[in-house]
C-alpha atoms as a PDB file:
ATOM      1  CA  MET A   1       0.000   0.000   0.000  1.00  0.00           C
ATOM      2  CA  GLY A   2       1.100   3.480  -0.683  1.00  0.00           C
ATOM      3  CA  HIS A   3       1.586   6.405   1.555  1.00  0.00           C
ATOM      4  CA  SER A   4      -1.977   7.651   1.320  1.00  0.00           C
ATOM      5  CA  ALA A   5      -3.476   4.559   2.889  1.00  0.00           C
ATOM      6  CA  GLY A   6      -1.000   4.051   5.638  1.00  0.00           C
ATOM      7  CA  GLY A   7       0.141   7.494   6.744  1.00  0.00           C
ATOM      8  CA  ALA A   8      -0.611   9.323   9.948  1.00  0.00           C
ATOM      9  CA  ALA A   9      -4.115  10.502  10.682  1.00  0.00           C
ATOM     10  CA  GLY A  10      -3.553  13.748   8.830  1.00  0.00           C
ATOM     11  CA  GLY A  11      -2.373  11.905   5.721  1.00  0.00           C
ATOM     12  CA  ARG A  12      -1.448  13.863   2.612  1.00  0.00           C
ATOM     13  CA  ARG A  13      -4.068  16.573   2.496  1.00  0.00           C
ATOM     14  CA  LEU A  14      -4.991  18.204  -0.770  1.00  0.00           C
ATOM     15  CA  SER A  15      -4.697  21.982  -0.985  1.00  0.00           C
ATOM     16  CA  ALA A  16      -6.263  24.259  -3.549  1.00  0.00           C
ATOM     17  CA  LEU A  17      -2.739  25.205  -4.577  1.00  0.00           C
ATOM     18  CA  ALA A  18      -1.950  21.574  -5.442  1.00  0.00           C
ATOM     19  CA  VAL A  19      -4.908  21.530  -7.827  1.00  0.00           C
ATOM     20  CA  ALA A  20      -3.753  24.744  -9.441  1.00  0.00           C
ATOM     21  CA  LEU A  21      -0.305  23.242 -10.032  1.00  0.00           C
ATOM     22  CA  ALA A  22      -1.575  20.509 -12.373  1.00  0.00           C
ATOM     23  CA  LEU A  23      -1.971  18.073  -9.466  1.00  0.00           C
ATOM     24  CA  VAL A  24       1.734  17.302  -9.348  1.00  0.00           C
ATOM     25  CA  VAL A  25       3.474  17.269  -5.980  1.00  0.00           C
ATOM     26  CA  PRO A  26       7.101  16.590  -5.095  1.00  0.00           C
ATOM     27  CA  HIS A  27       7.605  13.242  -3.380  1.00  0.00           C
ATOM     28  CA  GLY A  28       9.904  12.626  -0.460  1.00  0.00           C
ATOM     29  CA  PRO A  29      11.965  14.775   1.942  1.00  0.00           C
ATOM     30  CA  ALA A  30      12.901  17.358  -0.695  1.00  0.00           C
ATOM     31  CA  TYR A  31       9.338  18.677  -0.574  1.00  0.00           C
ATOM     32  CA  ALA A  32       9.879  20.199   2.859  1.00  0.00           C
ATOM     33  CA  GLY A  33      12.441  22.629   1.497  1.00  0.00           C
ATOM     34  CA  GLN A  34      10.485  23.794  -1.559  1.00  0.00           C
ATOM     35  CA  ALA A  35       8.127  26.656  -2.129  1.00  0.00           C
ATOM     36  CA  ALA A  36       4.737  25.259  -3.073  1.00  0.00           C
ATOM     37  CA  GLY A  37       4.652  27.140  -6.342  1.00  0.00           C
ATOM     38  CA  GLN A  38       7.647  25.254  -7.757  1.00  0.00           C
ATOM     39  CA  GLY A  39       5.908  21.905  -8.323  1.00  0.00           C
ATOM     40  CA  SER A  40       4.773  22.241 -11.918  1.00  0.00           C
ATOM     41  CA  GLY A  41       5.265  20.508 -15.212  1.00  0.00           C
ATOM     42  CA  SER A  42       4.100  17.269 -16.793  1.00  0.00           C
ATOM     43  CA  GLY A  43       7.125  15.005 -16.498  1.00  0.00           C
ATOM     44  CA  ALA A  44       8.489  12.838 -13.701  1.00  0.00           C
ATOM     45  CA  GLN A  45      11.058  15.490 -12.851  1.00  0.00           C
ATOM     46  CA  GLY A  46      11.032  19.186 -12.178  1.00  0.00           C
ATOM     47  CA  THR A  47      13.416  21.714 -10.720  1.00  0.00           C
ATOM     48  CA  GLY A  48      13.344  23.390  -7.354  1.00  0.00           C
ATOM     49  CA  SER A  49      15.365  26.157  -5.758  1.00  0.00           C
ATOM     50  CA  ALA A  50      15.782  24.542  -2.354  1.00  0.00           C
ATOM     51  CA  GLY A  51      16.272  21.225  -0.670  1.00  0.00           C
ATOM     52  CA  ALA A  52      19.285  19.031  -0.033  1.00  0.00           C
ATOM     53  CA  GLY A  53      20.347  19.098  -3.682  1.00  0.00           C
ATOM     54  CA  GLY A  54      20.930  22.846  -3.689  1.00  0.00           C
ATOM     55  CA  VAL A  55      19.859  25.563  -6.079  1.00  0.00           C
ATOM     56  CA  GLY A  56      18.929  24.405  -9.562  1.00  0.00           C
ATOM     57  CA  GLN A  57      19.180  20.697  -8.767  1.00  0.00           C
ATOM     58  CA  PRO A  58      16.507  18.350 -10.241  1.00  0.00           C
ATOM     59  CA  VAL A  59      13.761  17.320  -7.843  1.00  0.00           C
ATOM     60  CA  ASP A  60      11.668  14.211  -8.443  1.00  0.00           C
ATOM     61  CA  LEU A  61       7.970  14.917  -8.801  1.00  0.00           C
ATOM     62  CA  ASP A  62       5.177  12.505  -7.999  1.00  0.00           C
ATOM     63  CA  ARG A  63       1.879  12.847  -9.849  1.00  0.00           C
ATOM     64  CA  VAL A  64      -1.455  12.620  -8.071  1.00  0.00           C
ATOM     65  CA  VAL A  65      -3.667   9.885  -9.578  1.00  0.00           C
ATOM     66  CA  ALA A  66      -6.620  10.005  -7.177  1.00  0.00           C
ATOM     67  CA  ILE A  67      -8.001  11.986  -4.252  1.00  0.00           C
ATOM     68  CA  VAL A  68      -9.894  10.120  -1.529  1.00  0.00           C
ATOM     69  CA  ASN A  69     -11.585  12.402   0.980  1.00  0.00           C
ATOM     70  CA  GLY A  70      -8.548  14.677   0.837  1.00  0.00           C
ATOM     71  CA  ASP A  71      -5.908  11.925   0.908  1.00  0.00           C
ATOM     72  CA  LEU A  72      -3.691  11.811  -2.145  1.00  0.00           C
ATOM     73  CA  ILE A  73      -2.844   8.623  -4.014  1.00  0.00           C
ATOM     74  CA  LEU A  74       0.313   9.114  -6.036  1.00  0.00           C
ATOM     75  CA  GLU A  75       1.911   7.547  -9.089  1.00  0.00           C
ATOM     76  CA  SER A  76       4.550   6.036  -6.787  1.00  0.00           C
ATOM     77  CA  ASP A  77       1.767   4.318  -4.843  1.00  0.00           C
ATOM     78  CA  LEU A  78       0.711   2.556  -8.051  1.00  0.00           C
ATOM     79  CA  ASP A  79       4.289   1.484  -8.624  1.00  0.00           C
ATOM     80  CA  GLU A  80       4.553   0.108  -5.080  1.00  0.00           C
ATOM     81  CA  GLU A  81       1.242  -1.723  -5.404  1.00  0.00           C
ATOM     82  CA  GLU A  82       2.353  -3.337  -8.656  1.00  0.00           C
ATOM     83  CA  ARG A  83       5.656  -4.440  -7.124  1.00  0.00           C
ATOM     84  CA  MET A  84       3.868  -5.818  -4.054  1.00  0.00           C
ATOM     85  CA  MET A  85       2.051  -8.286  -6.302  1.00  0.00           C
ATOM     86  CA  ALA A  86       5.234 -10.378  -6.294  1.00  0.00           C
ATOM     87  CA  PHE A  87       4.427 -11.263  -2.677  1.00  0.00           C
ATOM     88  CA  GLN A  88       0.986 -12.720  -3.500  1.00  0.00           C
ATOM     89  CA  PRO A  89       1.688 -16.429  -4.141  1.00  0.00           C
ATOM     90  CA  PHE A  90      -1.802 -17.277  -5.431  1.00  0.00           C
ATOM     91  CA  ARG A  91      -2.384 -14.146  -7.465  1.00  0.00           C
ATOM     92  CA  ASP A  92      -3.841 -13.974 -10.928  1.00  0.00           C
ATOM     93  CA  ARG A  93      -0.790 -13.956 -13.188  1.00  0.00           C
ATOM     94  CA  ALA A  94      -2.414 -11.484 -15.589  1.00  0.00           C
ATOM     95  CA  ALA A  95      -1.053  -7.993 -15.003  1.00  0.00           C
ATOM     96  CA  ALA A  96      -3.504  -5.600 -13.382  1.00  0.00           C
ATOM     97  CA  THR A  97      -4.467  -2.567 -15.437  1.00  0.00           C
ATOM     98  CA  ARG A  98      -3.717   0.942 -14.249  1.00  0.00           C
ATOM     99  CA  GLU A  99      -7.412   1.511 -13.533  1.00  0.00           C
ATOM    100  CA  GLN A 100      -7.628  -1.680 -11.476  1.00  0.00           C
ATOM    101  CA  LEU A 101      -4.599  -0.654  -9.420  1.00  0.00           C
ATOM    102  CA  ILE A 102      -6.084   2.789  -8.780  1.00  0.00           C
ATOM    103  CA  ASP A 103      -9.443   1.277  -7.787  1.00  0.00           C
ATOM    104  CA  ARG A 104      -7.671  -1.116  -5.429  1.00  0.00           C
ATOM    105  CA  LEU A 105      -5.762   1.712  -3.758  1.00  0.00           C
ATOM    106  CA  ILE A 106      -8.908   3.846  -3.469  1.00  0.00           C
ATOM    107  CA  ASP A 107     -10.752   0.994  -1.767  1.00  0.00           C
ATOM    108  CA  ARG A 108      -7.836   0.361   0.566  1.00  0.00           C
ATOM    109  CA  ASP A 109      -7.572   4.034   1.425  1.00  0.00           C
ATOM    110  CA  LEU A 110     -11.290   4.144   2.271  1.00  0.00           C
ATOM    111  CA  ILE A 111     -10.819   1.148   4.553  1.00  0.00           C
ATOM    112  CA  MET A 112      -7.738   2.654   6.225  1.00  0.00           C
ATOM    113  CA  GLN A 113      -9.665   5.866   6.858  1.00  0.00           C
ATOM    114  CA  GLN A 114     -12.321   3.821   8.677  1.00  0.00           C
ATOM    115  CA  ILE A 115      -9.644   1.951  10.627  1.00  0.00           C
ATOM    116  CA  ARG A 116      -8.231   5.260  11.847  1.00  0.00           C
ATOM    117  CA  LEU A 117     -11.706   6.168  13.137  1.00  0.00           C
ATOM    118  CA  GLN A 118     -11.967   2.842  15.001  1.00  0.00           C
ATOM    119  CA  PRO A 119      -8.470   2.158  16.374  1.00  0.00           C
ATOM    120  CA  GLN A 120      -7.575  -1.461  17.120  1.00  0.00           C
ATOM    121  CA  PRO A 121      -4.642  -2.935  19.060  1.00  0.00           C
ATOM    122  CA  ALA A 122      -1.448  -2.676  17.029  1.00  0.00           C
ATOM    123  CA  ILE A 123      -0.354  -5.682  15.021  1.00  0.00           C
ATOM    124  CA  THR A 124       3.004  -6.629  16.498  1.00  0.00           C
ATOM    125  CA  ASP A 125       6.292  -7.201  14.719  1.00  0.00           C
ATOM    126  CA  GLU A 126       6.109 -10.826  15.875  1.00  0.00           C
ATOM    127  CA  GLN A 127       2.743 -11.321  14.132  1.00  0.00           C
ATOM    128  CA  VAL A 128       3.991  -9.724  10.936  1.00  0.00           C
ATOM    129  CA  ASP A 129       7.219 -11.725  10.948  1.00  0.00           C
ATOM    130  CA  ALA A 130       5.296 -14.961  11.513  1.00  0.00           C
ATOM    131  CA  GLU A 131       3.157 -14.317   8.434  1.00  0.00           C
ATOM    132  CA  LEU A 132       6.156 -13.331   6.335  1.00  0.00           C
ATOM    133  CA  ALA A 133       8.023 -16.473   7.449  1.00  0.00           C
ATOM    134  CA  ALA A 134       5.146 -18.570   6.113  1.00  0.00           C
ATOM    135  CA  LEU A 135       4.844 -16.422   2.994  1.00  0.00           C
ATOM    136  CA  ARG A 136       8.438 -16.869   1.876  1.00  0.00           C
ATOM    137  CA  LYS A 137       7.868 -20.637   1.646  1.00  0.00           C
ATOM    138  CA  ASN A 138       4.916 -20.239  -0.726  1.00  0.00           C
ATOM    139  CA  ILE A 139       6.116 -17.883  -3.456  1.00  0.00           C
ATOM    140  CA  PRO A 140       7.115 -19.983  -6.483  1.00  0.00           C
ATOM    141  CA  GLU A 141       9.421 -17.300  -7.919  1.00  0.00           C
ATOM    142  CA  CYS A 142      11.217 -17.121  -4.583  1.00  0.00           C
ATOM    143  CA  ALA A 143      12.702 -20.617  -4.904  1.00  0.00           C
ATOM    144  CA  ALA A 144      15.345 -19.465  -7.390  1.00  0.00           C
ATOM    145  CA  ASP A 145      16.721 -17.058  -4.783  1.00  0.00           C
ATOM    146  CA  HIS A 146      16.680 -19.752  -2.046  1.00  0.00           C
ATOM    147  CA  CYS A 147      14.288 -17.757   0.100  1.00  0.00           C
ATOM    148  CA  GLU A 148      14.501 -20.382   2.821  1.00  0.00           C
ATOM    149  CA  THR A 149      17.739 -18.589   3.734  1.00  0.00           C
ATOM    150  CA  ASP A 150      17.793 -15.058   5.146  1.00  0.00           C
ATOM    151  CA  ALA A 151      20.208 -13.906   2.437  1.00  0.00           C
ATOM    152  CA  GLY A 152      18.021 -15.341  -0.320  1.00  0.00           C
ATOM    153  CA  TRP A 153      14.880 -13.760   1.106  1.00  0.00           C
ATOM    154  CA  GLU A 154      16.564 -10.383   1.455  1.00  0.00           C
ATOM    155  CA  LYS A 155      17.734 -10.591  -2.183  1.00  0.00           C
ATOM    156  CA  PHE A 156      14.233 -11.459  -3.423  1.00  0.00           C
ATOM    157  CA  VAL A 157      12.734  -8.569  -1.451  1.00  0.00           C
ATOM    158  CA  ALA A 158      15.408  -6.180  -2.753  1.00  0.00           C
ATOM    159  CA  ASP A 159      14.788  -7.339  -6.329  1.00  0.00           C
ATOM    160  CA  GLN A 160      11.191  -6.104  -5.947  1.00  0.00           C
ATOM    161  CA  GLY A 161      12.480  -2.701  -4.843  1.00  0.00           C
ATOM    162  CA  PHE A 162      11.847  -2.984  -1.091  1.00  0.00           C
ATOM    163  CA  THR A 163      13.880  -3.232   2.074  1.00  0.00           C
ATOM    164  CA  LEU A 164      12.886  -5.833   4.652  1.00  0.00           C
ATOM    165  CA  GLU A 165      11.531  -3.078   6.896  1.00  0.00           C
ATOM    166  CA  GLU A 166       9.479  -1.543   4.078  1.00  0.00           C
ATOM    167  CA  LEU A 167       7.980  -4.941   3.293  1.00  0.00           C
ATOM    168  CA  ARG A 168       7.154  -5.476   6.964  1.00  0.00           C
ATOM    169  CA  GLU A 169       5.244  -2.178   7.112  1.00  0.00           C
ATOM    170  CA  HIS A 170       3.395  -2.906   3.872  1.00  0.00           C
ATOM    171  CA  TRP A 171       2.411  -6.328   5.223  1.00  0.00           C
ATOM    172  CA  ARG A 172       1.377  -4.872   8.578  1.00  0.00           C
ATOM    173  CA  ARG A 173      -1.113  -2.575   6.804  1.00  0.00           C
ATOM    174  CA  ARG A 174      -2.373  -5.517   4.767  1.00  0.00           C
ATOM    175  CA  MET A 175      -2.990  -7.435   8.014  1.00  0.00           C
ATOM    176  CA  GLU A 176      -4.807  -4.437   9.481  1.00  0.00           C
ATOM    177  CA  VAL A 177      -7.128  -4.305   6.469  1.00  0.00           C
ATOM    178  CA  LEU A 178      -7.836  -8.047   6.570  1.00  0.00           C
ATOM    179  CA  ARG A 179      -8.516  -7.929  10.313  1.00  0.00           C
ATOM    180  CA  PHE A 180     -10.949  -5.057   9.825  1.00  0.00           C
ATOM    181  CA  ILE A 181     -12.807  -6.914   7.052  1.00  0.00           C
ATOM    182  CA  GLU A 182     -12.930 -10.082   9.145  1.00  0.00           C
ATOM    183  CA  GLN A 183     -14.339  -8.314  12.172  1.00  0.00           C
ATOM    184  CA  ARG A 184     -16.818  -6.115  10.316  1.00  0.00           C
ATOM    185  CA  PHE A 185     -18.207  -8.486   7.725  1.00  0.00           C
ATOM    186  CA  ARG A 186     -17.388 -12.097   8.434  1.00  0.00           C
ATOM    187  CA  MET A 187     -18.489 -12.282  12.057  1.00  0.00           C
ATOM    188  CA  GLY A 188     -22.090 -13.405  12.299  1.00  0.00           C
ATOM    189  CA  ILE A 189     -22.349 -14.852   8.795  1.00  0.00           C
ATOM    190  CA  ARG A 190     -23.754 -18.372   8.915  1.00  0.00           C
ATOM    191  CA  ILE A 191     -23.614 -20.794   6.009  1.00  0.00           C
ATOM    192  CA  THR A 192     -26.295 -23.469   6.309  1.00  0.00           C
ATOM    193  CA  PRO A 193     -25.898 -27.151   5.361  1.00  0.00           C
ATOM    194  CA  ALA A 194     -28.554 -26.589   2.697  1.00  0.00           C
ATOM    195  CA  GLU A 195     -26.422 -23.864   1.066  1.00  0.00           C
ATOM    196  CA  ILE A 196     -23.383 -26.148   1.099  1.00  0.00           C
ATOM    197  CA  ASP A 197     -25.399 -28.957  -0.478  1.00  0.00           C
ATOM    198  CA  ASP A 198     -26.826 -26.597  -3.088  1.00  0.00           C
ATOM    199  CA  TYR A 199     -23.340 -25.360  -4.069  1.00  0.00           C
ATOM    200  CA  TYR A 200     -22.037 -28.930  -4.263  1.00  0.00           C
ATOM    201  CA  LYS A 201     -24.840 -30.111  -6.538  1.00  0.00           C
ATOM    202  CA  LYS A 202     -25.327 -27.044  -8.722  1.00  0.00           C
ATOM    203  CA  THR A 203     -21.798 -25.667  -9.020  1.00  0.00           C
ATOM    204  CA  LEU A 204     -19.131 -28.171  -8.073  1.00  0.00           C
ATOM    205  CA  MET A 205     -20.569 -31.373  -9.548  1.00  0.00           C
ATOM    206  CA  PRO A 206     -21.266 -29.833 -12.997  1.00  0.00           C
ATOM    207  CA  ALA A 207     -17.698 -28.474 -13.057  1.00  0.00           C
ATOM    208  CA  TYR A 208     -16.280 -31.971 -12.457  1.00  0.00           C
ATOM    209  CA  GLN A 209     -18.665 -33.532 -14.961  1.00  0.00           C
ATOM    210  CA  LYS A 210     -17.600 -31.031 -17.598  1.00  0.00           C
ATOM    211  CA  GLN A 211     -14.050 -32.273 -17.168  1.00  0.00           C
ATOM    212  CA  LYS A 212     -15.212 -35.904 -17.100  1.00  0.00           C
ATOM    213  CA  ALA A 213     -13.829 -36.276 -13.584  1.00  0.00           C
ATOM    214  CA  THR A 214     -15.316 -37.855 -10.488  1.00  0.00           C
ATOM    215  CA  PRO A 215     -16.196 -35.262  -7.834  1.00  0.00           C
ATOM    216  CA  PRO A 216     -15.068 -35.902  -4.262  1.00  0.00           C
ATOM    217  CA  ALA A 217     -17.694 -36.853  -1.733  1.00  0.00           C
ATOM    218  CA  GLU A 218     -19.548 -33.844  -0.380  1.00  0.00           C
ATOM    219  CA  ALA A 219     -18.643 -34.668   3.216  1.00  0.00           C
ATOM    220  CA  THR A 220     -14.922 -34.505   2.443  1.00  0.00           C
ATOM    221  CA  ILE A 221     -15.036 -30.964   1.050  1.00  0.00           C
ATOM    222  CA  SER A 222     -17.923 -29.376   2.923  1.00  0.00           C
ATOM    223  CA  ASP A 223     -15.503 -27.218   4.958  1.00  0.00           C
ATOM    224  CA  ARG A 224     -13.909 -25.908   1.767  1.00  0.00           C
ATOM    225  CA  ILE A 225     -17.322 -25.161   0.256  1.00  0.00           C
ATOM    226  CA  GLN A 226     -18.299 -23.323   3.421  1.00  0.00           C
ATOM    227  CA  GLU A 227     -15.151 -21.178   3.153  1.00  0.00           C
ATOM    228  CA  ILE A 228     -15.892 -20.377  -0.503  1.00  0.00           C
ATOM    229  CA  LEU A 229     -19.446 -19.322   0.349  1.00  0.00           C
ATOM    230  CA  LEU A 230     -18.217 -17.240   3.287  1.00  0.00           C
ATOM    231  CA  GLN A 231     -15.754 -15.427   1.042  1.00  0.00           C
ATOM    232  CA  GLN A 232     -18.460 -14.778  -1.528  1.00  0.00           C
ATOM    233  CA  ARG A 233     -20.792 -13.362   1.124  1.00  0.00           C
ATOM    234  CA  VAL A 234     -18.064 -11.201   2.665  1.00  0.00           C
ATOM    235  CA  GLY A 235     -17.019  -9.977  -0.789  1.00  0.00           C
ATOM    236  CA  LYS A 236     -20.559  -8.885  -1.597  1.00  0.00           C
ATOM    237  CA  LEU A 237     -20.982  -7.070   1.729  1.00  0.00           C
ATOM    238  CA  LEU A 238     -17.593  -5.390   1.311  1.00  0.00           C
ATOM    239  CA  ASP A 239     -18.359  -4.257  -2.251  1.00  0.00           C
ATOM    240  CA  ASP A 240     -21.695  -2.769  -1.171  1.00  0.00           C
ATOM    241  CA  TRP A 241     -20.054  -1.000   1.771  1.00  0.00           C
ATOM    242  CA  LEU A 242     -17.245   0.463  -0.342  1.00  0.00           C
ATOM    243  CA  THR A 243     -19.763   1.649  -2.931  1.00  0.00           C
ATOM    244  CA  SER A 244     -21.631   3.418  -0.139  1.00  0.00           C
ATOM    245  CA  LEU A 245     -18.418   5.030   1.199  1.00  0.00           C
ATOM    246  CA  ARG A 246     -17.559   6.311  -2.265  1.00  0.00           C
ATOM    247  CA  ALA A 247     -21.034   7.794  -2.639  1.00  0.00           C
ATOM    248  CA  GLN A 248     -20.937   9.458   0.792  1.00  0.00           C
ATOM    249  CA  GLY A 249     -17.424  10.824   0.481  1.00  0.00           C
ATOM    250  CA  SER A 250     -15.341  12.536  -2.154  1.00  0.00           C
ATOM    251  CA  VAL A 251     -13.418  10.250  -4.503  1.00  0.00           C
ATOM    252  CA  ARG A 252     -11.835  11.624  -7.653  1.00  0.00           C
ATOM    253  CA  MET A 253      -9.564   9.926 -10.160  1.00  0.00           C
ATOM    254  CA  ILE A 254      -7.120  12.221 -11.951  1.00  0.00           C
ATOM    255  CA  LYS A 255      -6.470  11.496 -15.614  1.00  0.00           C
ATOM    256  CA  PRO A 256      -2.870  11.816 -16.862  1.00  0.00           C
ATOM    257  CA  GLU A 257      -2.167  15.083 -18.648  1.00  0.00           C
ATOM    258  CA  GLY A 258      -3.452  14.980 -22.197  1.00  0.00           C
ATOM    259  CA  GLU A 259      -6.194  12.411 -21.516  1.00  0.00           C
ATOM    260  CA  THR A 260      -9.837  13.386 -21.682  1.00  0.00           C
ATOM    261  CA  PRO A 261     -11.390  13.320 -18.172  1.00  0.00           C
END
């Protein structure tokens, strides 16, 4: 997740001046030393008169791609999100489109805003490290780097453009989001035996028959069917809730310069 979803409560707040400057803001520590009026232009770089680099030195600029209730989602957030996909062992191998990445970050930012309104106990380093220890055993691409070793894991993480600490913080936010979804939507959902039986007969059995394969006995996979139905129910509730948050709040996607809004 990018900065907008996981920052402090104030987040990156949009100012009217930022809009006037083509919705491009400098990214990183150099911003603190710049006058606000110097962040203009359409490229990935601009020039500033202050900052650590000195007068006339290039300053990297980071374009705003969406605004979520005043929080900014930046181009660098999209880049981070795309690189984080390497740590999803069961992901769809098809590359996500730019619009899908932006939608994902908007949804996550909306969730993180709600989490900040309803603080929960912090997820500890030990919990994060335990999940990452399991994760590194389940990423197929990680085997070539021998991720079972600390050196191999650190190399794989670095190859994706992260430090171990950066990955830990990204994963901590992911765990916070999943915990929130679990507590808000999954608790109280009950899948009945009739629903499990209906899914087995109307969905699973036809799928096996289509492949001319013998389906497993219903009793042996009823727990798995229950989990599938739970995920479907939670997904529907979450989608409806996020749609409502978007309608109630202010969400705006910013088209790249030159594109028609």
